[in-house]
Amino acid sequence: MGETENTKKAPKKSYWKGLQAEYKKIIWPDKETVAKQTGAVVAVAIALGLIIAALDTIIVTGLHFVI
C-alpha cells in the first residue's frame, strides 16, 4: 500500500514541474501587439455585426413584399 501512495504523489510533482517548465517557455506579447490585435478583433466583430444586421433587414423587407 505504501507504493500506491508514492505512485499517486509522484505524478503530481512531475506534472507541476512540467507545467512550470512550459510556463517559462511562453513568450508574452507586448502592449502594442495586444492593443493592435484587440482593435482588429473589435473591428471585425463590428463589421460582421453590421453585415448580419444589413442582411437581416434585407431579408425581412423582402419577406414583407412576398407576404
PDB file of N, CA and C in Angstrom:
ATOM      1  N   MET A   1       0.809  -1.184   0.000  1.00  0.00           N
ATOM      2  CA  MET A   1       0.000   0.000   0.000  1.00  0.00           C
ATOM      3  C   MET A   1       0.861   1.259   0.000  1.00  0.00           C
ATOM      4  N   GLY A   2       2.044   1.218   0.545  1.00  0.00           N
ATOM      5  CA  GLY A   2       2.935   2.356   0.556  1.00  0.00           C
ATOM      6  C   GLY A   2       3.361   2.748  -0.845  1.00  0.00           C
ATOM      7  N   GLU A   3       3.514   1.764  -1.717  1.00  0.00           N
ATOM      8  CA  GLU A   3       3.911   2.047  -3.093  1.00  0.00           C
ATOM      9  C   GLU A   3       2.805   2.772  -3.850  1.00  0.00           C
ATOM     10  N   THR A   4       1.566   2.415  -3.552  1.00  0.00           N
ATOM     11  CA  THR A   4       0.450   3.054  -4.243  1.00  0.00           C
ATOM     12  C   THR A   4       0.388   4.532  -3.903  1.00  0.00           C
ATOM     13  N   GLU A   5       0.615   4.865  -2.640  1.00  0.00           N
ATOM     14  CA  GLU A   5       0.586   6.273  -2.233  1.00  0.00           C
ATOM     15  C   GLU A   5       1.734   7.044  -2.881  1.00  0.00           C
ATOM     16  N   ASN A   6       2.912   6.449  -2.931  1.00  0.00           N
ATOM     17  CA  ASN A   6       4.056   7.109  -3.571  1.00  0.00           C
ATOM     18  C   ASN A   6       3.817   7.289  -5.066  1.00  0.00           C
ATOM     19  N   THR A   7       3.187   6.313  -5.684  1.00  0.00           N
ATOM     20  CA  THR A   7       2.905   6.401  -7.107  1.00  0.00           C
ATOM     21  C   THR A   7       1.928   7.531  -7.386  1.00  0.00           C
ATOM     22  N   LYS A   8       0.955   7.719  -6.513  1.00  0.00           N
ATOM     23  CA  LYS A   8      -0.017   8.787  -6.710  1.00  0.00           C
ATOM     24  C   LYS A   8       0.621  10.162  -6.517  1.00  0.00           C
ATOM     25  N   LYS A   9       1.568  10.276  -5.611  1.00  0.00           N
ATOM     26  CA  LYS A   9       2.183  11.569  -5.328  1.00  0.00           C
ATOM     27  C   LYS A   9       3.224  11.937  -6.377  1.00  0.00           C
ATOM     28  N   ALA A  10       3.907  10.969  -6.949  1.00  0.00           N
ATOM     29  CA  ALA A  10       4.981  11.248  -7.899  1.00  0.00           C
ATOM     30  C   ALA A  10       4.490  11.990  -9.158  1.00  0.00           C
ATOM     31  N   PRO A  11       3.369  11.580  -9.785  1.00  0.00           N
ATOM     32  CA  PRO A  11       2.933  12.306 -10.977  1.00  0.00           C
ATOM     33  C   PRO A  11       2.579  13.769 -10.692  1.00  0.00           C
ATOM     34  N   LYS A  12       2.091  14.077  -9.504  1.00  0.00           N
ATOM     35  CA  LYS A  12       1.749  15.456  -9.187  1.00  0.00           C
ATOM     36  C   LYS A  12       2.989  16.338  -9.232  1.00  0.00           C
ATOM     37  N   LYS A  13       4.098  15.861  -8.678  1.00  0.00           N
ATOM     38  CA  LYS A  13       5.322  16.646  -8.696  1.00  0.00           C
ATOM     39  C   LYS A  13       5.805  16.829 -10.124  1.00  0.00           C
ATOM     40  N   SER A  14       5.818  15.777 -10.904  1.00  0.00           N
ATOM     41  CA  SER A  14       6.303  15.893 -12.281  1.00  0.00           C
ATOM     42  C   SER A  14       5.330  16.740 -13.106  1.00  0.00           C
ATOM     43  N   TYR A  15       4.049  16.668 -12.817  1.00  0.00           N
ATOM     44  CA  TYR A  15       3.077  17.494 -13.523  1.00  0.00           C
ATOM     45  C   TYR A  15       3.355  18.966 -13.264  1.00  0.00           C
ATOM     46  N   TRP A  16       3.534  19.327 -12.003  1.00  0.00           N
ATOM     47  CA  TRP A  16       3.759  20.729 -11.663  1.00  0.00           C
ATOM     48  C   TRP A  16       5.108  21.226 -12.194  1.00  0.00           C
ATOM     49  N   LYS A  17       6.109  20.360 -12.149  1.00  0.00           N
ATOM     50  CA  LYS A  17       7.406  20.754 -12.702  1.00  0.00           C
ATOM     51  C   LYS A  17       7.294  20.949 -14.210  1.00  0.00           C
ATOM     52  N   GLY A  18       6.585  20.065 -14.855  1.00  0.00           N
ATOM     53  CA  GLY A  18       6.373  20.191 -16.293  1.00  0.00           C
ATOM     54  C   GLY A  18       5.575  21.434 -16.636  1.00  0.00           C
ATOM     55  N   LEU A  19       4.581  21.729 -15.814  1.00  0.00           N
ATOM     56  CA  LEU A  19       3.769  22.921 -16.020  1.00  0.00           C
ATOM     57  C   LEU A  19       4.616  24.179 -15.879  1.00  0.00           C
ATOM     58  N   GLN A  20       5.458  24.210 -14.862  1.00  0.00           N
ATOM     59  CA  GLN A  20       6.342  25.360 -14.666  1.00  0.00           C
ATOM     60  C   GLN A  20       7.310  25.511 -15.839  1.00  0.00           C
ATOM     61  N   ALA A  21       7.846  24.396 -16.310  1.00  0.00           N
ATOM     62  CA  ALA A  21       8.783  24.440 -17.433  1.00  0.00           C
ATOM     63  C   ALA A  21       8.097  24.979 -18.689  1.00  0.00           C
ATOM     64  N   GLU A  22       6.869  24.531 -18.938  1.00  0.00           N
ATOM     65  CA  GLU A  22       6.136  25.008 -20.111  1.00  0.00           C
ATOM     66  C   GLU A  22       5.758  26.479 -19.950  1.00  0.00           C
ATOM     67  N   TYR A  23       5.408  26.878 -18.749  1.00  0.00           N
ATOM     68  CA  TYR A  23       5.021  28.263 -18.483  1.00  0.00           C
ATOM     69  C   TYR A  23       6.182  29.212 -18.745  1.00  0.00           C
ATOM     70  N   LYS A  24       7.387  28.762 -18.452  1.00  0.00           N
ATOM     71  CA  LYS A  24       8.570  29.601 -18.687  1.00  0.00           C
ATOM     72  C   LYS A  24       8.865  29.765 -20.170  1.00  0.00           C
ATOM     73  N   LYS A  25       8.360  28.868 -21.015  1.00  0.00           N
ATOM     74  CA  LYS A  25       8.596  28.933 -22.448  1.00  0.00           C
ATOM     75  C   LYS A  25       7.678  29.941 -23.148  1.00  0.00           C
ATOM     76  N   ILE A  26       6.637  30.391 -22.464  1.00  0.00           N
ATOM     77  CA  ILE A  26       5.672  31.295 -23.077  1.00  0.00           C
ATOM     78  C   ILE A  26       6.325  32.637 -23.376  1.00  0.00           C
ATOM     79  N   ILE A  27       6.115  33.116 -24.572  1.00  0.00           N
ATOM     80  CA  ILE A  27       6.596  34.443 -24.952  1.00  0.00           C
ATOM     81  C   ILE A  27       5.368  35.358 -24.948  1.00  0.00           C
ATOM     82  N   TRP A  28       5.306  36.238 -23.965  1.00  0.00           N
ATOM     83  CA  TRP A  28       4.147  37.114 -23.817  1.00  0.00           C
ATOM     84  C   TRP A  28       4.269  38.289 -24.772  1.00  0.00           C
ATOM     85  N   PRO A  29       3.172  38.657 -25.446  1.00  0.00           N
ATOM     86  CA  PRO A  29       3.225  39.791 -26.365  1.00  0.00           C
ATOM     87  C   PRO A  29       3.314  41.117 -25.602  1.00  0.00           C
ATOM     88  N   ASP A  30       3.874  42.120 -26.270  1.00  0.00           N
ATOM     89  CA  ASP A  30       3.961  43.426 -25.627  1.00  0.00           C
ATOM     90  C   ASP A  30       2.614  44.151 -25.747  1.00  0.00           C
ATOM     91  N   LYS A  31       2.507  45.292 -25.071  1.00  0.00           N
ATOM     92  CA  LYS A  31       1.234  46.017 -25.013  1.00  0.00           C
ATOM     93  C   LYS A  31       0.780  46.482 -26.395  1.00  0.00           C
ATOM     94  N   GLU A  32       1.727  46.874 -27.228  1.00  0.00           N
ATOM     95  CA  GLU A  32       1.380  47.358 -28.565  1.00  0.00           C
ATOM     96  C   GLU A  32       0.735  46.256 -29.401  1.00  0.00           C
ATOM     97  N   THR A  33       1.300  45.063 -29.333  1.00  0.00           N
ATOM     98  CA  THR A  33       0.757  43.934 -30.085  1.00  0.00           C
ATOM     99  C   THR A  33      -0.632  43.573 -29.579  1.00  0.00           C
ATOM    100  N   VAL A  34      -0.797  43.550 -28.273  1.00  0.00           N
ATOM    101  CA  VAL A  34      -2.101  43.223 -27.696  1.00  0.00           C
ATOM    102  C   VAL A  34      -3.139  44.268 -28.103  1.00  0.00           C
ATOM    103  N   ALA A  35      -2.758  45.537 -28.084  1.00  0.00           N
ATOM    104  CA  ALA A  35      -3.674  46.606 -28.464  1.00  0.00           C
ATOM    105  C   ALA A  35      -4.079  46.466 -29.936  1.00  0.00           C
ATOM    106  N   LYS A  36      -3.120  46.178 -30.817  1.00  0.00           N
ATOM    107  CA  LYS A  36      -3.421  46.019 -32.242  1.00  0.00           C
ATOM    108  C   LYS A  36      -4.360  44.830 -32.481  1.00  0.00           C
ATOM    109  N   GLN A  37      -4.069  43.722 -31.834  1.00  0.00           N
ATOM    110  CA  GLN A  37      -4.892  42.531 -32.026  1.00  0.00           C
ATOM    111  C   GLN A  37      -6.291  42.725 -31.452  1.00  0.00           C
ATOM    112  N   THR A  38      -6.387  43.413 -30.324  1.00  0.00           N
ATOM    113  CA  THR A  38      -7.690  43.696 -29.729  1.00  0.00           C
ATOM    114  C   THR A  38      -8.493  44.604 -30.657  1.00  0.00           C
ATOM    115  N   GLY A  39      -7.846  45.617 -31.205  1.00  0.00           N
ATOM    116  CA  GLY A  39      -8.518  46.508 -32.147  1.00  0.00           C
ATOM    117  C   GLY A  39      -9.018  45.761 -33.370  1.00  0.00           C
ATOM    118  N   ALA A  40      -8.208  44.850 -33.870  1.00  0.00           N
ATOM    119  CA  ALA A  40      -8.603  44.064 -35.039  1.00  0.00           C
ATOM    120  C   ALA A  40      -9.814  43.184 -34.730  1.00  0.00           C
ATOM    121  N   VAL A  41      -9.823  42.559 -33.571  1.00  0.00           N
ATOM    122  CA  VAL A  41     -10.943  41.696 -33.180  1.00  0.00           C
ATOM    123  C   VAL A  41     -12.222  42.514 -33.037  1.00  0.00           C
ATOM    124  N   VAL A  42     -12.127  43.677 -32.392  1.00  0.00           N
ATOM    125  CA  VAL A  42     -13.304  44.531 -32.209  1.00  0.00           C
ATOM    126  C   VAL A  42     -13.815  45.014 -33.565  1.00  0.00           C
ATOM    127  N   ALA A  43     -12.901  45.424 -34.455  1.00  0.00           N
ATOM    128  CA  ALA A  43     -13.303  45.906 -35.777  1.00  0.00           C
ATOM    129  C   ALA A  43     -14.007  44.813 -36.582  1.00  0.00           C
ATOM    130  N   VAL A  44     -13.466  43.612 -36.560  1.00  0.00           N
ATOM    131  CA  VAL A  44     -14.080  42.502 -37.297  1.00  0.00           C
ATOM    132  C   VAL A  44     -15.447  42.157 -36.703  1.00  0.00           C
ATOM    133  N   ALA A  45     -15.554  42.174 -35.375  1.00  0.00           N
ATOM    134  CA  ALA A  45     -16.832  41.869 -34.736  1.00  0.00           C
ATOM    135  C   ALA A  45     -17.890  42.905 -35.118  1.00  0.00           C
ATOM    136  N   ILE A  46     -17.515  44.181 -35.133  1.00  0.00           N
ATOM    137  CA  ILE A  46     -18.460  45.234 -35.514  1.00  0.00           C
ATOM    138  C   ILE A  46     -18.852  45.092 -36.990  1.00  0.00           C
ATOM    139  N   ALA A  47     -17.860  44.830 -37.846  1.00  0.00           N
ATOM    140  CA  ALA A  47     -18.145  44.674 -39.272  1.00  0.00           C
ATOM    141  C   ALA A  47     -19.092  43.503 -39.520  1.00  0.00           C
ATOM    142  N   LEU A  48     -18.840  42.375 -38.883  1.00  0.00           N
ATOM    143  CA  LEU A  48     -19.726  41.219 -39.053  1.00  0.00           C
ATOM    144  C   LEU A  48     -21.117  41.505 -38.507  1.00  0.00           C
ATOM    145  N   GLY A  49     -21.191  42.214 -37.391  1.00  0.00           N
ATOM    146  CA  GLY A  49     -22.491  42.579 -36.833  1.00  0.00           C
ATOM    147  C   GLY A  49     -23.282  43.453 -37.795  1.00  0.00           C
ATOM    148  N   LEU A  50     -22.606  44.421 -38.426  1.00  0.00           N
ATOM    149  CA  LEU A  50     -23.278  45.288 -39.395  1.00  0.00           C
ATOM    150  C   LEU A  50     -23.726  44.510 -40.628  1.00  0.00           C
ATOM    151  N   ILE A  51     -22.893  43.590 -41.088  1.00  0.00           N
ATOM    152  CA  ILE A  51     -23.258  42.765 -42.256  1.00  0.00           C
ATOM    153  C   ILE A  51     -24.474  41.908 -41.934  1.00  0.00           C
ATOM    154  N   ILE A  52     -24.480  41.294 -40.783  1.00  0.00           N
ATOM    155  CA  ILE A  52     -25.614  40.445 -40.389  1.00  0.00           C
ATOM    156  C   ILE A  52     -26.872  41.285 -40.225  1.00  0.00           C
ATOM    157  N   ALA A  53     -26.747  42.471 -39.624  1.00  0.00           N
ATOM    158  CA  ALA A  53     -27.907  43.347 -39.458  1.00  0.00           C
ATOM    159  C   ALA A  53     -28.454  43.776 -40.818  1.00  0.00           C
ATOM    160  N   ALA A  54     -27.561  44.106 -41.758  1.00  0.00           N
ATOM    161  CA  ALA A  54     -27.996  44.513 -43.094  1.00  0.00           C
ATOM    162  C   ALA A  54     -28.702  43.369 -43.814  1.00  0.00           C
ATOM    163  N   LEU A  55     -28.125  42.176 -43.747  1.00  0.00           N
ATOM    164  CA  LEU A  55     -28.757  41.017 -44.380  1.00  0.00           C
ATOM    165  C   LEU A  55     -30.112  40.723 -43.755  1.00  0.00           C
ATOM    166  N   ASP A  56     -30.205  40.838 -42.444  1.00  0.00           N
ATOM    167  CA  ASP A  56     -31.464  40.599 -41.751  1.00  0.00           C
ATOM    168  C   ASP A  56     -32.526  41.596 -42.211  1.00  0.00           C
ATOM    169  N   THR A  57     -32.134  42.867 -42.309  1.00  0.00           N
ATOM    170  CA  THR A  57     -33.072  43.902 -42.747  1.00  0.00           C
ATOM    171  C   THR A  57     -33.538  43.650 -44.180  1.00  0.00           C
ATOM    172  N   ILE A  58     -32.605  43.277 -45.046  1.00  0.00           N
ATOM    173  CA  ILE A  58     -32.960  42.986 -46.443  1.00  0.00           C
ATOM    174  C   ILE A  58     -33.908  41.799 -46.517  1.00  0.00           C
ATOM    175  N   ILE A  59     -33.632  40.754 -45.776  1.00  0.00           N
ATOM    176  CA  ILE A  59     -34.479  39.554 -45.809  1.00  0.00           C
ATOM    177  C   ILE A  59     -35.866  39.859 -45.254  1.00  0.00           C
ATOM    178  N   VAL A  60     -35.959  40.592 -44.149  1.00  0.00           N
ATOM    179  CA  VAL A  60     -37.263  40.934 -43.568  1.00  0.00           C
ATOM    180  C   VAL A  60     -38.061  41.802 -44.531  1.00  0.00           C
ATOM    181  N   THR A  61     -37.381  42.785 -45.138  1.00  0.00           N
ATOM    182  CA  THR A  61     -38.072  43.655 -46.106  1.00  0.00           C
ATOM    183  C   THR A  61     -38.545  42.837 -47.307  1.00  0.00           C
ATOM    184  N   GLY A  62     -37.731  41.933 -47.778  1.00  0.00           N
ATOM    185  CA  GLY A  62     -38.123  41.069 -48.892  1.00  0.00           C
ATOM    186  C   GLY A  62     -39.292  40.190 -48.544  1.00  0.00           C
ATOM    187  N   LEU A  63     -39.338  39.678 -47.332  1.00  0.00           N
ATOM    188  CA  LEU A  63     -40.442  38.831 -46.911  1.00  0.00           C
ATOM    189  C   LEU A  63     -41.742  39.629 -46.778  1.00  0.00           C
ATOM    190  N   HIS A  64     -41.647  40.884 -46.417  1.00  0.00           N
ATOM    191  CA  HIS A  64     -42.858  41.703 -46.316  1.00  0.00           C
ATOM    192  C   HIS A  64     -43.491  41.919 -47.691  1.00  0.00           C
ATOM    193  N   PHE A  65     -42.641  42.009 -48.722  1.00  0.00           N
ATOM    194  CA  PHE A  65     -43.183  42.158 -50.072  1.00  0.00           C
ATOM    195  C   PHE A  65     -43.831  40.866 -50.546  1.00  0.00           C
ATOM    196  N   VAL A  66     -43.284  39.736 -50.153  1.00  0.00           N
ATOM    197  CA  VAL A  66     -43.818  38.428 -50.579  1.00  0.00           C
ATOM    198  C   VAL A  66     -45.124  38.138 -49.877  1.00  0.00           C
ATOM    199  N   ILE A  67     -45.168  38.456 -48.583  1.00  0.00           N
ATOM    200  CA  ILE A  67     -46.382  38.142 -47.801  1.00  0.00           C
ATOM    201  C   ILE A  67     -47.341  39.242 -47.981  1.00  0.00           C
TER     202      ILE A  67
END
